[in-house]
Amino acid sequence: MYKLLKIMTAYDIMIIIGVILLSIAILFLPFWNSENADSGDQVIYISQEGEIVQKIPVKETINNRIIVEVEGPIGTSIIEAYNGKVRMKEAPEKDPEKICVKTGWINRAGPSIICVPNKISIWIESEKSDLDGVTW
């Protein structure tokens, strides 16, 4: 270690420290960005068989629980929006795996909740989104 420090210059040490600090900043950037996201222009969309059933502005869900029941081919799905988040609270009994319920809460533009057997989609859109598309 001593030999390594002996051949390194001050510029080498500054570059190493700079790379370490940049790496740490890149690791924490997604968390900082999501905490500071403005939810005032976001809208929750609920679609059944490709048609928008309901639009809920995210700001209306702050301290206000909104429950929406959507009738589909296999039964009624219950959707809950609360504090800027949305989830599929209950899927119909005939939904074999209930993956949409297991998806849990979404709170930003990008992720979506899909119930394939009941043909229901839930997502959040924002006018100020950095995303122009999502690929899975």
C-alpha atoms as a PDB file:
ATOM      1  CA  MET A   1       0.000   0.000   0.000  1.00  0.00           C
ATOM      2  CA  TYR A   2       2.819   2.377   0.856  1.00  0.00           C
ATOM      3  CA  LYS A   3       4.467   1.755  -2.544  1.00  0.00           C
ATOM      4  CA  LEU A   4       1.182   2.531  -4.304  1.00  0.00           C
ATOM      5  CA  LEU A   5       0.782   5.837  -2.462  1.00  0.00           C
ATOM      6  CA  LYS A   6       4.374   6.711  -3.265  1.00  0.00           C
ATOM      7  CA  ILE A   7       3.835   6.493  -7.043  1.00  0.00           C
ATOM      8  CA  MET A   8       0.403   8.204  -7.047  1.00  0.00           C
ATOM      9  CA  THR A   9       0.231  11.938  -7.621  1.00  0.00           C
ATOM     10  CA  ALA A  10      -2.194  14.376  -6.037  1.00  0.00           C
ATOM     11  CA  TYR A  11      -4.187  14.382  -9.293  1.00  0.00           C
ATOM     12  CA  ASP A  12      -4.576  10.588  -9.135  1.00  0.00           C
ATOM     13  CA  ILE A  13      -5.981  10.836  -5.623  1.00  0.00           C
ATOM     14  CA  MET A  14      -8.372  13.641  -6.674  1.00  0.00           C
ATOM     15  CA  ILE A  15      -9.653  11.536  -9.617  1.00  0.00           C
ATOM     16  CA  ILE A  16     -10.234   8.513  -7.365  1.00  0.00           C
ATOM     17  CA  ILE A  17     -12.122  10.609  -4.792  1.00  0.00           C
ATOM     18  CA  GLY A  18     -14.158  12.251  -7.586  1.00  0.00           C
ATOM     19  CA  VAL A  19     -15.156   8.870  -9.059  1.00  0.00           C
ATOM     20  CA  ILE A  20     -16.189   7.600  -5.612  1.00  0.00           C
ATOM     21  CA  LEU A  21     -18.323  10.707  -4.922  1.00  0.00           C
ATOM     22  CA  LEU A  22     -19.917  10.526  -8.385  1.00  0.00           C
ATOM     23  CA  SER A  23     -20.767   6.855  -7.863  1.00  0.00           C
ATOM     24  CA  ILE A  24     -22.441   7.586  -4.541  1.00  0.00           C
ATOM     25  CA  ALA A  25     -24.431  10.446  -6.096  1.00  0.00           C
ATOM     26  CA  ILE A  26     -25.627   8.200  -8.944  1.00  0.00           C
ATOM     27  CA  LEU A  27     -26.767   5.560  -6.455  1.00  0.00           C
ATOM     28  CA  PHE A  28     -28.952   8.013  -4.507  1.00  0.00           C
ATOM     29  CA  LEU A  29     -30.269  10.065  -7.458  1.00  0.00           C
ATOM     30  CA  PRO A  30     -33.371   7.884  -8.142  1.00  0.00           C
ATOM     31  CA  PHE A  31     -34.467   8.116  -4.491  1.00  0.00           C
ATOM     32  CA  TRP A  32     -33.988  11.875  -4.400  1.00  0.00           C
ATOM     33  CA  ASN A  33     -35.906  12.323  -7.661  1.00  0.00           C
ATOM     34  CA  SER A  34     -38.939  10.270  -6.566  1.00  0.00           C
ATOM     35  CA  GLU A  35     -39.220  12.085  -3.235  1.00  0.00           C
ATOM     36  CA  ASN A  36     -39.223  15.486  -4.918  1.00  0.00           C
ATOM     37  CA  ALA A  37     -41.637  14.567  -7.708  1.00  0.00           C
ATOM     38  CA  ASP A  38     -44.605  16.902  -8.019  1.00  0.00           C
ATOM     39  CA  SER A  39     -47.793  14.845  -7.884  1.00  0.00           C
ATOM     40  CA  GLY A  40     -50.037  17.822  -8.595  1.00  0.00           C
ATOM     41  CA  ASP A  41     -50.290  17.088 -12.310  1.00  0.00           C
ATOM     42  CA  GLN A  42     -50.540  13.288 -12.064  1.00  0.00           C
ATOM     43  CA  VAL A  43     -53.711  11.368 -12.920  1.00  0.00           C
ATOM     44  CA  ILE A  44     -54.684   7.771 -12.133  1.00  0.00           C
ATOM     45  CA  TYR A  45     -56.257   6.027 -15.119  1.00  0.00           C
ATOM     46  CA  ILE A  46     -58.491   2.965 -14.799  1.00  0.00           C
ATOM     47  CA  SER A  47     -59.245   1.157 -18.041  1.00  0.00           C
ATOM     48  CA  GLN A  48     -61.557  -1.788 -18.714  1.00  0.00           C
ATOM     49  CA  GLU A  49     -61.323  -3.540 -22.097  1.00  0.00           C
ATOM     50  CA  GLY A  50     -59.261  -0.663 -23.518  1.00  0.00           C
ATOM     51  CA  GLU A  51     -61.693   2.122 -22.586  1.00  0.00           C
ATOM     52  CA  ILE A  52     -61.006   4.608 -19.794  1.00  0.00           C
ATOM     53  CA  VAL A  53     -63.533   3.934 -17.016  1.00  0.00           C
ATOM     54  CA  GLN A  54     -62.308   6.556 -14.558  1.00  0.00           C
ATOM     55  CA  LYS A  55     -59.686   9.285 -14.171  1.00  0.00           C
ATOM     56  CA  ILE A  56     -58.695  10.287 -10.641  1.00  0.00           C
ATOM     57  CA  PRO A  57     -56.376  13.275 -10.052  1.00  0.00           C
ATOM     58  CA  VAL A  58     -53.686  12.147  -7.603  1.00  0.00           C
ATOM     59  CA  LYS A  59     -54.089  15.325  -5.540  1.00  0.00           C
ATOM     60  CA  GLU A  60     -57.677  14.239  -4.721  1.00  0.00           C
ATOM     61  CA  THR A  61     -56.337  11.084  -3.020  1.00  0.00           C
ATOM     62  CA  ILE A  62     -54.204  12.952  -0.484  1.00  0.00           C
ATOM     63  CA  ASN A  63     -55.777  12.136   2.925  1.00  0.00           C
ATOM     64  CA  ASN A  64     -58.816  10.817   1.048  1.00  0.00           C
ATOM     65  CA  ARG A  65     -59.460   7.124   0.345  1.00  0.00           C
ATOM     66  CA  ILE A  66     -61.210   6.551  -3.001  1.00  0.00           C
ATOM     67  CA  ILE A  67     -62.709   3.123  -3.750  1.00  0.00           C
ATOM     68  CA  VAL A  68     -63.750   2.241  -7.304  1.00  0.00           C
ATOM     69  CA  GLU A  69     -65.571  -0.939  -8.300  1.00  0.00           C
ATOM     70  CA  VAL A  70     -65.094  -2.056 -11.909  1.00  0.00           C
ATOM     71  CA  GLU A  71     -67.200  -4.820 -13.422  1.00  0.00           C
ATOM     72  CA  GLY A  72     -65.350  -7.122 -15.811  1.00  0.00           C
ATOM     73  CA  PRO A  73     -65.943 -10.404 -17.645  1.00  0.00           C
ATOM     74  CA  ILE A  74     -65.148 -12.558 -14.576  1.00  0.00           C
ATOM     75  CA  GLY A  75     -66.533 -10.348 -11.811  1.00  0.00           C
ATOM     76  CA  THR A  76     -66.058  -7.126  -9.885  1.00  0.00           C
ATOM     77  CA  SER A  77     -62.591  -5.739  -9.098  1.00  0.00           C
ATOM     78  CA  ILE A  78     -62.134  -3.255  -6.251  1.00  0.00           C
ATOM     79  CA  ILE A  79     -59.521  -0.532  -6.751  1.00  0.00           C
ATOM     80  CA  GLU A  80     -58.267   1.699  -3.926  1.00  0.00           C
ATOM     81  CA  ALA A  81     -56.507   5.059  -4.265  1.00  0.00           C
ATOM     82  CA  TYR A  82     -55.060   6.745  -1.181  1.00  0.00           C
ATOM     83  CA  ASN A  83     -52.306   9.293  -0.432  1.00  0.00           C
ATOM     84  CA  GLY A  84     -51.050   9.479  -4.013  1.00  0.00           C
ATOM     85  CA  LYS A  85     -50.962   5.693  -4.496  1.00  0.00           C
ATOM     86  CA  VAL A  86     -53.265   3.184  -6.159  1.00  0.00           C
ATOM     87  CA  ARG A  87     -53.673  -0.587  -5.919  1.00  0.00           C
ATOM     88  CA  MET A  88     -56.017  -3.413  -6.845  1.00  0.00           C
ATOM     89  CA  LYS A  89     -57.546  -4.096  -3.441  1.00  0.00           C
ATOM     90  CA  GLU A  90     -59.605  -7.142  -4.427  1.00  0.00           C
ATOM     91  CA  ALA A  91     -59.786  -9.281  -7.541  1.00  0.00           C
ATOM     92  CA  PRO A  92     -62.761 -11.484  -8.437  1.00  0.00           C
ATOM     93  CA  GLU A  93     -62.932 -15.023  -7.031  1.00  0.00           C
ATOM     94  CA  LYS A  94     -62.541 -16.428 -10.561  1.00  0.00           C
ATOM     95  CA  ASP A  95     -59.126 -14.757 -11.008  1.00  0.00           C
ATOM     96  CA  PRO A  96     -56.855 -17.798 -10.596  1.00  0.00           C
ATOM     97  CA  GLU A  97     -53.609 -16.176  -9.423  1.00  0.00           C
ATOM     98  CA  LYS A  98     -54.629 -12.629  -8.447  1.00  0.00           C
ATOM     99  CA  ILE A  99     -51.350 -11.196  -9.746  1.00  0.00           C
ATOM    100  CA  CYS A 100     -52.901  -7.734  -9.930  1.00  0.00           C
ATOM    101  CA  VAL A 101     -53.503  -7.770  -6.158  1.00  0.00           C
ATOM    102  CA  LYS A 102     -49.960  -9.047  -5.540  1.00  0.00           C
ATOM    103  CA  THR A 103     -48.547  -6.110  -7.552  1.00  0.00           C
ATOM    104  CA  GLY A 104     -49.353  -3.836  -4.623  1.00  0.00           C
ATOM    105  CA  TRP A 105     -49.283  -0.050  -4.621  1.00  0.00           C
ATOM    106  CA  ILE A 106     -47.969   2.117  -7.458  1.00  0.00           C
ATOM    107  CA  ASN A 107     -47.260   5.792  -6.852  1.00  0.00           C
ATOM    108  CA  ARG A 108     -45.611   7.231  -9.958  1.00  0.00           C
ATOM    109  CA  ALA A 109     -45.759   7.266 -13.715  1.00  0.00           C
ATOM    110  CA  GLY A 110     -44.206   4.162 -15.253  1.00  0.00           C
ATOM    111  CA  PRO A 111     -45.408   1.034 -13.447  1.00  0.00           C
ATOM    112  CA  SER A 112     -48.886  -0.321 -14.098  1.00  0.00           C
ATOM    113  CA  ILE A 113     -51.311  -2.863 -12.641  1.00  0.00           C
ATOM    114  CA  ILE A 114     -52.882  -5.277 -15.101  1.00  0.00           C
ATOM    115  CA  CYS A 115     -55.643  -7.808 -14.442  1.00  0.00           C
ATOM    116  CA  VAL A 116     -55.619  -9.932 -17.600  1.00  0.00           C
ATOM    117  CA  PRO A 117     -58.592 -12.217 -16.805  1.00  0.00           C
ATOM    118  CA  ASN A 118     -60.801  -9.215 -15.973  1.00  0.00           C
ATOM    119  CA  LYS A 119     -59.284  -6.981 -18.709  1.00  0.00           C
ATOM    120  CA  ILE A 120     -58.528  -4.090 -16.320  1.00  0.00           C
ATOM    121  CA  SER A 121     -55.490  -1.780 -16.460  1.00  0.00           C
ATOM    122  CA  ILE A 122     -54.438   0.839 -13.909  1.00  0.00           C
ATOM    123  CA  TRP A 123     -51.623   3.346 -14.387  1.00  0.00           C
ATOM    124  CA  ILE A 124     -50.525   6.858 -13.449  1.00  0.00           C
ATOM    125  CA  GLU A 125     -49.616   9.502 -16.013  1.00  0.00           C
ATOM    126  CA  SER A 126     -47.879  12.811 -15.486  1.00  0.00           C
ATOM    127  CA  GLU A 127     -47.393  15.774 -17.791  1.00  0.00           C
ATOM    128  CA  LYS A 128     -43.902  16.345 -16.384  1.00  0.00           C
ATOM    129  CA  SER A 129     -42.706  12.738 -16.672  1.00  0.00           C
ATOM    130  CA  ASP A 130     -39.121  12.004 -17.670  1.00  0.00           C
ATOM    131  CA  LEU A 131     -40.324   8.769 -19.273  1.00  0.00           C
ATOM    132  CA  ASP A 132     -41.609   8.682 -22.819  1.00  0.00           C
ATOM    133  CA  GLY A 133     -42.243   4.916 -22.740  1.00  0.00           C
ATOM    134  CA  VAL A 134     -41.760   1.804 -20.676  1.00  0.00           C
ATOM    135  CA  THR A 135     -40.565  -1.536 -22.005  1.00  0.00           C
ATOM    136  CA  TRP A 136     -40.885  -4.775 -20.084  1.00  0.00           C
END
